[in-house]
Amino acid sequence: MPYSTNREFNHFCKDIDQIEDKLGLANRRYHHIMPYIMLQSRMINPKEVKVVCINGKAQYIAYNANNSGRAISKKPHLELFAFAERAIAELSARCVGAITNGLVRVDIFQAKSGEYKVNEFESLEASYSSTNRDITNDAIVFRFNVAFWTFHINNSLTNLSNSNTIK
């Protein structure tokens, strides 16, 4: 399944009662139709990097969110990229239905201990713009998307055509 939150309904709750109140609010706001709810703990240090990966391989950092103070990774980002690649491999192994054979953004926090933590994985609707709006990185994603979707749409149409042969 594709996945993206895009900060549609984002709330910080201090206890279970607040969580229940916010879930009730979301239920009413979205007319009892919620494709999924993601509950996650709040990091004390909200610095985050967003690593763009194509077919499980890290390409570049889309941008640093809450980029004040010390960055959690410095170029060439080898450890961070390796972590993102391991995270996608783990997601793919544990969640067979997850789309990981294309464009995926891995959002990563760093704990006080220095250990990297996955905040979330996003696909399809996520922002992939690079930090300095590097046209090279944006072109990599554009070219990949065109080739990826052209292949999959053509393949689906071919399979559909072959399965519905008119006699």
N, C-alpha and C. Protein backbone atom coordinates (compact mmCIF):
# COMPACT_ATOMS: atom_id res chain seq x y z
N MET A 1 0.83 -1.19 0.00
CA MET A 1 0.00 0.00 0.00
C MET A 1 0.87 1.25 0.00
N PRO A 2 0.44 2.28 -0.69
CA PRO A 2 1.12 3.57 -0.58
C PRO A 2 0.91 4.16 0.81
N TYR A 3 1.82 4.97 1.24
CA TYR A 3 1.68 5.53 2.58
C TYR A 3 2.25 6.93 2.62
N SER A 4 1.53 7.83 3.24
CA SER A 4 1.99 9.19 3.44
C SER A 4 1.04 9.86 4.42
N THR A 5 1.58 10.65 5.33
CA THR A 5 0.72 11.37 6.27
C THR A 5 0.56 12.83 5.86
N ASN A 6 1.64 13.43 5.38
CA ASN A 6 1.63 14.83 4.97
C ASN A 6 1.02 15.75 6.02
N ARG A 7 1.20 15.39 7.27
CA ARG A 7 0.77 16.23 8.41
C ARG A 7 -0.70 16.62 8.35
N GLU A 8 -1.52 15.73 7.89
CA GLU A 8 -2.94 16.02 7.74
C GLU A 8 -3.63 16.24 9.08
N PHE A 9 -3.35 15.41 10.05
CA PHE A 9 -4.02 15.51 11.35
C PHE A 9 -2.97 15.16 12.40
N ASN A 10 -2.29 16.16 12.92
CA ASN A 10 -1.12 15.96 13.74
C ASN A 10 -1.37 16.57 15.12
N HIS A 11 -1.37 15.75 16.16
CA HIS A 11 -1.60 16.24 17.51
C HIS A 11 -0.63 15.59 18.49
N PHE A 12 -0.24 16.33 19.51
CA PHE A 12 0.61 15.81 20.57
C PHE A 12 -0.24 15.65 21.82
N CYS A 13 -0.26 14.46 22.37
CA CYS A 13 -1.10 14.15 23.52
C CYS A 13 -0.24 13.73 24.70
N LYS A 14 -0.67 14.11 25.90
CA LYS A 14 0.09 13.80 27.10
C LYS A 14 -0.36 12.50 27.76
N ASP A 15 -1.58 12.04 27.47
CA ASP A 15 -2.07 10.82 28.11
C ASP A 15 -3.13 10.14 27.24
N ILE A 16 -3.59 8.98 27.68
CA ILE A 16 -4.53 8.19 26.90
C ILE A 16 -5.86 8.92 26.70
N ASP A 17 -6.29 9.70 27.68
CA ASP A 17 -7.54 10.44 27.54
C ASP A 17 -7.47 11.44 26.38
N GLN A 18 -6.34 12.13 26.27
CA GLN A 18 -6.17 13.07 25.16
C GLN A 18 -6.11 12.34 23.82
N ILE A 19 -5.50 11.17 23.82
CA ILE A 19 -5.46 10.37 22.59
C ILE A 19 -6.88 10.00 22.17
N GLU A 20 -7.70 9.54 23.12
CA GLU A 20 -9.08 9.17 22.81
C GLU A 20 -9.89 10.38 22.32
N ASP A 21 -9.67 11.54 22.94
CA ASP A 21 -10.37 12.76 22.50
C ASP A 21 -9.99 13.11 21.06
N LYS A 22 -8.70 13.06 20.75
CA LYS A 22 -8.24 13.41 19.39
C LYS A 22 -8.73 12.39 18.36
N LEU A 23 -8.76 11.11 18.73
CA LEU A 23 -9.28 10.10 17.81
C LEU A 23 -10.76 10.33 17.54
N GLY A 24 -11.51 10.73 18.57
CA GLY A 24 -12.93 11.06 18.38
C GLY A 24 -13.10 12.25 17.45
N LEU A 25 -12.25 13.26 17.63
CA LEU A 25 -12.29 14.44 16.77
C LEU A 25 -11.98 14.06 15.31
N ALA A 26 -10.96 13.24 15.12
CA ALA A 26 -10.60 12.79 13.77
C ALA A 26 -11.75 11.99 13.16
N ASN A 27 -12.37 11.15 13.95
CA ASN A 27 -13.48 10.33 13.47
C ASN A 27 -14.63 11.21 12.96
N ARG A 28 -14.93 12.25 13.72
CA ARG A 28 -16.01 13.17 13.30
C ARG A 28 -15.58 13.99 12.09
N ARG A 29 -14.35 14.50 12.10
CA ARG A 29 -13.87 15.36 11.02
C ARG A 29 -13.87 14.63 9.69
N TYR A 30 -13.49 13.36 9.71
CA TYR A 30 -13.37 12.60 8.47
C TYR A 30 -14.58 11.68 8.23
N HIS A 31 -15.68 12.02 8.87
CA HIS A 31 -16.95 11.33 8.63
C HIS A 31 -16.84 9.82 8.80
N HIS A 32 -16.15 9.41 9.85
CA HIS A 32 -16.00 8.00 10.22
C HIS A 32 -15.21 7.19 9.20
N ILE A 33 -14.42 7.86 8.37
CA ILE A 33 -13.59 7.16 7.37
C ILE A 33 -12.14 7.57 7.60
N MET A 34 -11.37 6.69 8.19
CA MET A 34 -9.95 6.95 8.41
C MET A 34 -9.17 5.75 7.90
N PRO A 35 -8.37 5.92 6.83
CA PRO A 35 -7.66 4.77 6.28
C PRO A 35 -6.66 4.16 7.27
N TYR A 36 -6.07 4.98 8.11
CA TYR A 36 -5.19 4.46 9.16
C TYR A 36 -4.90 5.57 10.16
N ILE A 37 -4.47 5.16 11.32
CA ILE A 37 -4.04 6.08 12.37
C ILE A 37 -2.63 5.66 12.76
N MET A 38 -1.74 6.63 12.88
CA MET A 38 -0.38 6.33 13.30
C MET A 38 -0.13 7.02 14.63
N LEU A 39 0.14 6.23 15.65
CA LEU A 39 0.52 6.78 16.95
C LEU A 39 2.01 6.57 17.10
N GLN A 40 2.72 7.61 17.48
CA GLN A 40 4.16 7.48 17.67
C GLN A 40 4.60 8.38 18.81
N SER A 41 5.66 7.95 19.46
CA SER A 41 6.16 8.75 20.58
C SER A 41 6.82 10.02 20.05
N ARG A 42 6.81 11.03 20.87
CA ARG A 42 7.40 12.32 20.52
C ARG A 42 8.85 12.31 20.94
N MET A 43 9.74 12.71 20.04
CA MET A 43 11.16 12.79 20.35
C MET A 43 11.44 14.09 21.08
N ILE A 44 12.29 14.03 22.09
CA ILE A 44 12.69 15.23 22.80
C ILE A 44 13.46 16.15 21.84
N ASN A 45 14.33 15.57 21.02
CA ASN A 45 15.08 16.31 20.01
C ASN A 45 14.39 16.07 18.67
N PRO A 46 13.66 17.04 18.14
CA PRO A 46 12.88 16.79 16.94
C PRO A 46 13.66 16.92 15.63
N LYS A 47 14.98 17.02 15.69
CA LYS A 47 15.76 17.11 14.45
C LYS A 47 15.54 15.82 13.65
N GLU A 48 15.34 15.97 12.38
CA GLU A 48 15.02 14.84 11.52
C GLU A 48 15.65 15.05 10.16
N VAL A 49 16.10 13.96 9.55
CA VAL A 49 16.54 14.03 8.16
C VAL A 49 15.65 13.11 7.35
N LYS A 50 15.47 13.46 6.10
CA LYS A 50 14.59 12.72 5.21
C LYS A 50 15.44 12.21 4.05
N VAL A 51 15.66 10.89 4.04
CA VAL A 51 16.54 10.29 3.05
C VAL A 51 15.71 9.70 1.92
N VAL A 52 15.99 10.15 0.71
CA VAL A 52 15.30 9.65 -0.48
C VAL A 52 16.02 8.41 -0.98
N CYS A 53 15.24 7.32 -1.16
CA CYS A 53 15.79 6.06 -1.63
C CYS A 53 15.06 5.60 -2.89
N ILE A 54 15.81 5.04 -3.81
CA ILE A 54 15.23 4.48 -5.03
C ILE A 54 15.62 3.01 -5.07
N ASN A 55 14.60 2.15 -5.14
CA ASN A 55 14.81 0.70 -5.13
C ASN A 55 15.71 0.26 -3.97
N GLY A 56 15.48 0.85 -2.80
CA GLY A 56 16.19 0.45 -1.60
C GLY A 56 17.56 1.05 -1.42
N LYS A 57 18.00 1.91 -2.32
CA LYS A 57 19.32 2.53 -2.25
C LYS A 57 19.19 4.02 -1.98
N ALA A 58 19.86 4.49 -0.93
CA ALA A 58 19.81 5.91 -0.56
C ALA A 58 20.45 6.75 -1.65
N GLN A 59 19.79 7.86 -2.00
CA GLN A 59 20.27 8.75 -3.06
C GLN A 59 20.76 10.09 -2.53
N TYR A 60 19.96 10.71 -1.68
CA TYR A 60 20.29 12.03 -1.16
C TYR A 60 19.35 12.36 0.00
N ILE A 61 19.67 13.44 0.71
CA ILE A 61 18.80 13.92 1.78
C ILE A 61 17.86 14.95 1.18
N ALA A 62 16.55 14.70 1.34
CA ALA A 62 15.56 15.61 0.78
C ALA A 62 15.68 16.97 1.46
N TYR A 63 15.59 16.97 2.76
CA TYR A 63 15.83 18.19 3.53
C TYR A 63 15.88 17.83 5.00
N ASN A 64 16.50 18.71 5.78
CA ASN A 64 16.54 18.52 7.22
C ASN A 64 15.38 19.27 7.84
N ALA A 65 14.53 18.56 8.55
CA ALA A 65 13.42 19.22 9.23
C ALA A 65 13.93 19.72 10.58
N ASN A 66 13.37 20.84 11.03
CA ASN A 66 13.79 21.43 12.32
C ASN A 66 15.31 21.50 12.39
N ASN A 67 15.88 22.16 11.42
CA ASN A 67 17.31 22.12 11.18
C ASN A 67 18.11 23.10 12.03
N SER A 68 17.73 23.30 13.27
CA SER A 68 18.51 24.21 14.11
C SER A 68 19.58 23.43 14.86
N GLY A 69 20.71 24.05 15.08
CA GLY A 69 21.77 23.39 15.84
C GLY A 69 22.52 22.36 15.02
N ARG A 70 23.11 21.39 15.73
CA ARG A 70 23.97 20.38 15.11
C ARG A 70 23.17 19.42 14.24
N ALA A 71 23.64 19.20 13.03
CA ALA A 71 23.00 18.23 12.14
C ALA A 71 23.26 16.82 12.68
N ILE A 72 22.35 15.89 12.37
CA ILE A 72 22.56 14.53 12.86
C ILE A 72 23.47 13.72 11.94
N SER A 73 23.82 14.27 10.80
CA SER A 73 24.71 13.57 9.88
C SER A 73 25.45 14.60 9.03
N LYS A 74 26.69 14.32 8.74
CA LYS A 74 27.48 15.21 7.88
C LYS A 74 27.87 14.44 6.60
N LYS A 75 28.04 15.18 5.51
CA LYS A 75 28.42 14.56 4.24
C LYS A 75 29.67 13.72 4.44
N PRO A 76 29.76 12.59 3.80
CA PRO A 76 28.91 12.06 2.75
C PRO A 76 27.75 11.20 3.25
N HIS A 77 27.41 11.26 4.52
CA HIS A 77 26.23 10.60 5.10
C HIS A 77 26.25 9.07 4.96
N LEU A 78 27.41 8.46 4.93
CA LEU A 78 27.50 7.02 4.69
C LEU A 78 26.75 6.20 5.73
N GLU A 79 26.94 6.50 7.03
CA GLU A 79 26.24 5.75 8.08
C GLU A 79 24.73 5.96 7.99
N LEU A 80 24.31 7.18 7.77
CA LEU A 80 22.88 7.50 7.68
C LEU A 80 22.25 6.79 6.47
N PHE A 81 22.93 6.83 5.34
CA PHE A 81 22.42 6.16 4.14
C PHE A 81 22.34 4.65 4.35
N ALA A 82 23.36 4.07 4.97
CA ALA A 82 23.35 2.63 5.25
C ALA A 82 22.18 2.27 6.18
N PHE A 83 21.93 3.13 7.17
CA PHE A 83 20.81 2.89 8.09
C PHE A 83 19.48 2.93 7.33
N ALA A 84 19.30 3.92 6.46
CA ALA A 84 18.06 4.03 5.69
C ALA A 84 17.86 2.79 4.82
N GLU A 85 18.93 2.31 4.20
CA GLU A 85 18.84 1.12 3.35
C GLU A 85 18.48 -0.12 4.17
N ARG A 86 19.08 -0.26 5.36
CA ARG A 86 18.74 -1.39 6.24
C ARG A 86 17.28 -1.30 6.69
N ALA A 87 16.82 -0.08 6.96
CA ALA A 87 15.44 0.11 7.40
C ALA A 87 14.45 -0.30 6.32
N ILE A 88 14.73 0.05 5.07
CA ILE A 88 13.85 -0.35 3.96
C ILE A 88 13.87 -1.87 3.79
N ALA A 89 15.04 -2.47 3.89
CA ALA A 89 15.15 -3.93 3.77
C ALA A 89 14.32 -4.61 4.87
N GLU A 90 14.39 -4.07 6.08
CA GLU A 90 13.62 -4.62 7.20
C GLU A 90 12.12 -4.44 6.97
N LEU A 91 11.71 -3.28 6.50
CA LEU A 91 10.30 -3.04 6.19
C LEU A 91 9.82 -4.03 5.14
N SER A 92 10.61 -4.20 4.11
CA SER A 92 10.25 -5.10 3.02
C SER A 92 10.13 -6.54 3.50
N ALA A 93 11.02 -6.96 4.39
CA ALA A 93 11.00 -8.33 4.91
C ALA A 93 9.80 -8.57 5.84
N ARG A 94 9.46 -7.57 6.64
CA ARG A 94 8.39 -7.74 7.64
C ARG A 94 7.00 -7.38 7.13
N CYS A 95 6.92 -6.52 6.13
CA CYS A 95 5.63 -6.06 5.60
C CYS A 95 5.60 -6.34 4.11
N VAL A 96 5.24 -7.53 3.76
CA VAL A 96 5.34 -7.99 2.38
C VAL A 96 4.55 -7.09 1.41
N GLY A 97 3.44 -6.49 1.85
CA GLY A 97 2.63 -5.66 0.97
C GLY A 97 3.13 -4.24 0.80
N ALA A 98 4.15 -3.85 1.54
CA ALA A 98 4.65 -2.48 1.45
C ALA A 98 5.36 -2.26 0.12
N ILE A 99 5.12 -1.12 -0.49
CA ILE A 99 5.79 -0.79 -1.75
C ILE A 99 7.18 -0.25 -1.43
N THR A 100 8.17 -1.10 -1.62
CA THR A 100 9.55 -0.67 -1.36
C THR A 100 10.42 -0.82 -2.60
N ASN A 101 9.82 -1.23 -3.72
CA ASN A 101 10.60 -1.42 -4.95
C ASN A 101 10.63 -0.16 -5.80
N GLY A 102 10.31 0.95 -5.22
CA GLY A 102 10.30 2.19 -5.98
C GLY A 102 10.90 3.31 -5.17
N LEU A 103 10.21 4.41 -5.15
CA LEU A 103 10.65 5.61 -4.48
C LEU A 103 10.10 5.64 -3.06
N VAL A 104 10.99 5.67 -2.08
CA VAL A 104 10.60 5.69 -0.67
C VAL A 104 11.45 6.73 0.04
N ARG A 105 10.81 7.50 0.91
CA ARG A 105 11.56 8.44 1.75
C ARG A 105 11.56 7.89 3.16
N VAL A 106 12.74 7.82 3.76
CA VAL A 106 12.88 7.35 5.14
C VAL A 106 13.18 8.57 6.01
N ASP A 107 12.27 8.86 6.94
CA ASP A 107 12.46 9.99 7.85
C ASP A 107 13.11 9.45 9.12
N ILE A 108 14.25 10.04 9.49
CA ILE A 108 15.09 9.50 10.55
C ILE A 108 15.37 10.54 11.62
N PHE A 109 15.21 10.12 12.88
CA PHE A 109 15.61 10.90 14.05
C PHE A 109 16.90 10.30 14.60
N GLN A 110 17.53 11.05 15.50
CA GLN A 110 18.68 10.53 16.21
C GLN A 110 18.40 10.64 17.70
N ALA A 111 18.51 9.51 18.42
CA ALA A 111 18.29 9.49 19.87
C ALA A 111 19.48 10.16 20.57
N LYS A 112 19.29 10.46 21.87
CA LYS A 112 20.38 11.06 22.65
C LYS A 112 21.64 10.22 22.61
N SER A 113 21.47 8.91 22.53
CA SER A 113 22.60 7.99 22.51
C SER A 113 23.38 8.07 21.19
N GLY A 114 22.81 8.76 20.19
CA GLY A 114 23.43 8.84 18.88
C GLY A 114 22.86 7.82 17.90
N GLU A 115 22.06 6.90 18.42
CA GLU A 115 21.46 5.86 17.58
C GLU A 115 20.37 6.46 16.68
N TYR A 116 20.36 6.02 15.41
CA TYR A 116 19.32 6.47 14.48
C TYR A 116 18.03 5.72 14.75
N LYS A 117 16.90 6.41 14.55
CA LYS A 117 15.57 5.83 14.73
C LYS A 117 14.71 6.24 13.53
N VAL A 118 13.98 5.26 12.98
CA VAL A 118 13.06 5.58 11.89
C VAL A 118 11.84 6.26 12.48
N ASN A 119 11.52 7.43 11.98
CA ASN A 119 10.29 8.10 12.36
C ASN A 119 9.15 7.56 11.51
N GLU A 120 9.38 7.52 10.18
CA GLU A 120 8.35 6.97 9.30
C GLU A 120 8.93 6.73 7.92
N PHE A 121 8.20 5.92 7.16
CA PHE A 121 8.49 5.70 5.75
C PHE A 121 7.38 6.39 4.98
N GLU A 122 7.72 7.03 3.88
CA GLU A 122 6.70 7.64 3.04
C GLU A 122 6.96 7.29 1.59
N SER A 123 5.87 7.14 0.85
CA SER A 123 5.99 6.87 -0.58
C SER A 123 4.97 7.68 -1.34
N LEU A 124 5.12 7.75 -2.62
CA LEU A 124 4.19 8.36 -3.56
C LEU A 124 3.91 9.83 -3.30
N GLU A 125 3.23 10.19 -2.24
CA GLU A 125 2.81 11.58 -2.02
C GLU A 125 3.81 12.40 -1.21
N ALA A 126 4.90 11.81 -0.79
CA ALA A 126 5.85 12.53 0.06
C ALA A 126 6.62 13.57 -0.75
N SER A 127 7.16 14.55 -0.04
CA SER A 127 7.99 15.56 -0.67
C SER A 127 9.39 14.99 -0.88
N TYR A 128 9.93 15.16 -2.08
CA TYR A 128 11.26 14.65 -2.39
C TYR A 128 12.23 15.75 -2.79
N SER A 129 11.85 17.00 -2.59
CA SER A 129 12.74 18.10 -2.97
C SER A 129 13.98 18.08 -2.11
N SER A 130 15.11 18.41 -2.70
CA SER A 130 16.35 18.40 -1.95
C SER A 130 16.54 19.71 -1.19
N THR A 131 17.43 19.67 -0.22
CA THR A 131 17.64 20.79 0.70
C THR A 131 17.83 22.11 -0.02
N ASN A 132 18.73 22.13 -0.96
CA ASN A 132 19.03 23.38 -1.66
C ASN A 132 18.36 23.42 -3.02
N ARG A 133 17.28 22.66 -3.15
CA ARG A 133 16.52 22.60 -4.41
C ARG A 133 17.45 22.23 -5.56
N ASP A 134 18.31 21.26 -5.29
CA ASP A 134 19.28 20.79 -6.27
C ASP A 134 18.54 20.15 -7.44
N ILE A 135 18.64 20.78 -8.58
CA ILE A 135 17.91 20.30 -9.76
C ILE A 135 18.36 18.91 -10.18
N THR A 136 19.61 18.54 -9.88
CA THR A 136 20.09 17.20 -10.21
C THR A 136 19.32 16.15 -9.44
N ASN A 137 19.15 16.35 -8.13
CA ASN A 137 18.40 15.40 -7.32
C ASN A 137 16.94 15.35 -7.75
N ASP A 138 16.35 16.49 -8.00
CA ASP A 138 14.95 16.52 -8.44
C ASP A 138 14.79 15.81 -9.77
N ALA A 139 15.79 15.95 -10.66
CA ALA A 139 15.74 15.28 -11.95
C ALA A 139 15.86 13.76 -11.80
N ILE A 140 16.68 13.31 -10.86
CA ILE A 140 16.81 11.87 -10.59
C ILE A 140 15.45 11.28 -10.24
N VAL A 141 14.74 11.95 -9.33
CA VAL A 141 13.42 11.48 -8.91
C VAL A 141 12.43 11.55 -10.06
N PHE A 142 12.44 12.63 -10.82
CA PHE A 142 11.51 12.77 -11.93
C PHE A 142 11.72 11.65 -12.96
N ARG A 143 12.99 11.44 -13.37
CA ARG A 143 13.28 10.39 -14.34
C ARG A 143 12.87 9.02 -13.82
N PHE A 144 13.17 8.77 -12.54
CA PHE A 144 12.80 7.48 -11.96
C PHE A 144 11.29 7.29 -11.99
N ASN A 145 10.54 8.31 -11.54
CA ASN A 145 9.08 8.20 -11.51
C ASN A 145 8.49 7.94 -12.89
N VAL A 146 8.97 8.64 -13.89
CA VAL A 146 8.47 8.43 -15.25
C VAL A 146 8.72 6.99 -15.69
N ALA A 147 9.94 6.51 -15.52
CA ALA A 147 10.26 5.14 -15.94
C ALA A 147 9.50 4.09 -15.12
N PHE A 148 9.45 4.30 -13.80
CA PHE A 148 8.78 3.34 -12.91
C PHE A 148 7.31 3.20 -13.26
N TRP A 149 6.60 4.32 -13.35
CA TRP A 149 5.16 4.25 -13.59
C TRP A 149 4.84 3.87 -15.03
N THR A 150 5.65 4.28 -15.98
CA THR A 150 5.43 3.85 -17.36
C THR A 150 5.54 2.33 -17.46
N PHE A 151 6.57 1.77 -16.85
CA PHE A 151 6.74 0.31 -16.86
C PHE A 151 5.56 -0.39 -16.21
N HIS A 152 5.18 0.05 -15.00
CA HIS A 152 4.12 -0.65 -14.27
C HIS A 152 2.75 -0.49 -14.91
N ILE A 153 2.47 0.66 -15.45
CA ILE A 153 1.18 0.85 -16.13
C ILE A 153 1.13 0.03 -17.42
N ASN A 154 2.20 0.07 -18.20
CA ASN A 154 2.25 -0.74 -19.42
C ASN A 154 2.14 -2.23 -19.11
N ASN A 155 2.85 -2.67 -18.08
CA ASN A 155 2.81 -4.07 -17.67
C ASN A 155 1.39 -4.47 -17.24
N SER A 156 0.73 -3.62 -16.48
CA SER A 156 -0.64 -3.90 -16.04
C SER A 156 -1.59 -3.97 -17.23
N LEU A 157 -1.45 -3.04 -18.16
CA LEU A 157 -2.31 -3.05 -19.35
C LEU A 157 -2.07 -4.28 -20.22
N THR A 158 -0.81 -4.67 -20.35
CA THR A 158 -0.49 -5.88 -21.12
C THR A 158 -1.10 -7.11 -20.46
N ASN A 159 -0.95 -7.22 -19.15
CA ASN A 159 -1.52 -8.36 -18.42
C ASN A 159 -3.04 -8.38 -18.53
N LEU A 160 -3.66 -7.22 -18.44
CA LEU A 160 -5.11 -7.12 -18.56
C LEU A 160 -5.55 -7.52 -19.96
N SER A 161 -4.83 -7.04 -20.94
CA SER A 161 -5.16 -7.35 -22.34
C SER A 161 -5.02 -8.85 -22.59
N ASN A 162 -3.97 -9.46 -22.09
CA ASN A 162 -3.74 -10.90 -22.29
C ASN A 162 -4.76 -11.77 -21.57
N SER A 163 -5.26 -11.28 -20.44
CA SER A 163 -6.20 -12.09 -19.66
C SER A 163 -7.63 -11.96 -20.17
N ASN A 164 -7.91 -10.95 -20.97
CA ASN A 164 -9.28 -10.73 -21.47
C ASN A 164 -9.33 -10.83 -22.99
N THR A 165 -8.76 -11.89 -23.51
CA THR A 165 -8.73 -12.08 -24.96
C THR A 165 -10.14 -12.31 -25.46
N ILE A 166 -10.52 -11.56 -26.49
CA ILE A 166 -11.85 -11.70 -27.08
C ILE A 166 -11.83 -12.90 -28.03
N LYS A 167 -12.84 -13.76 -27.90
CA LYS A 167 -12.91 -14.95 -28.76
C LYS A 167 -13.95 -14.77 -29.82
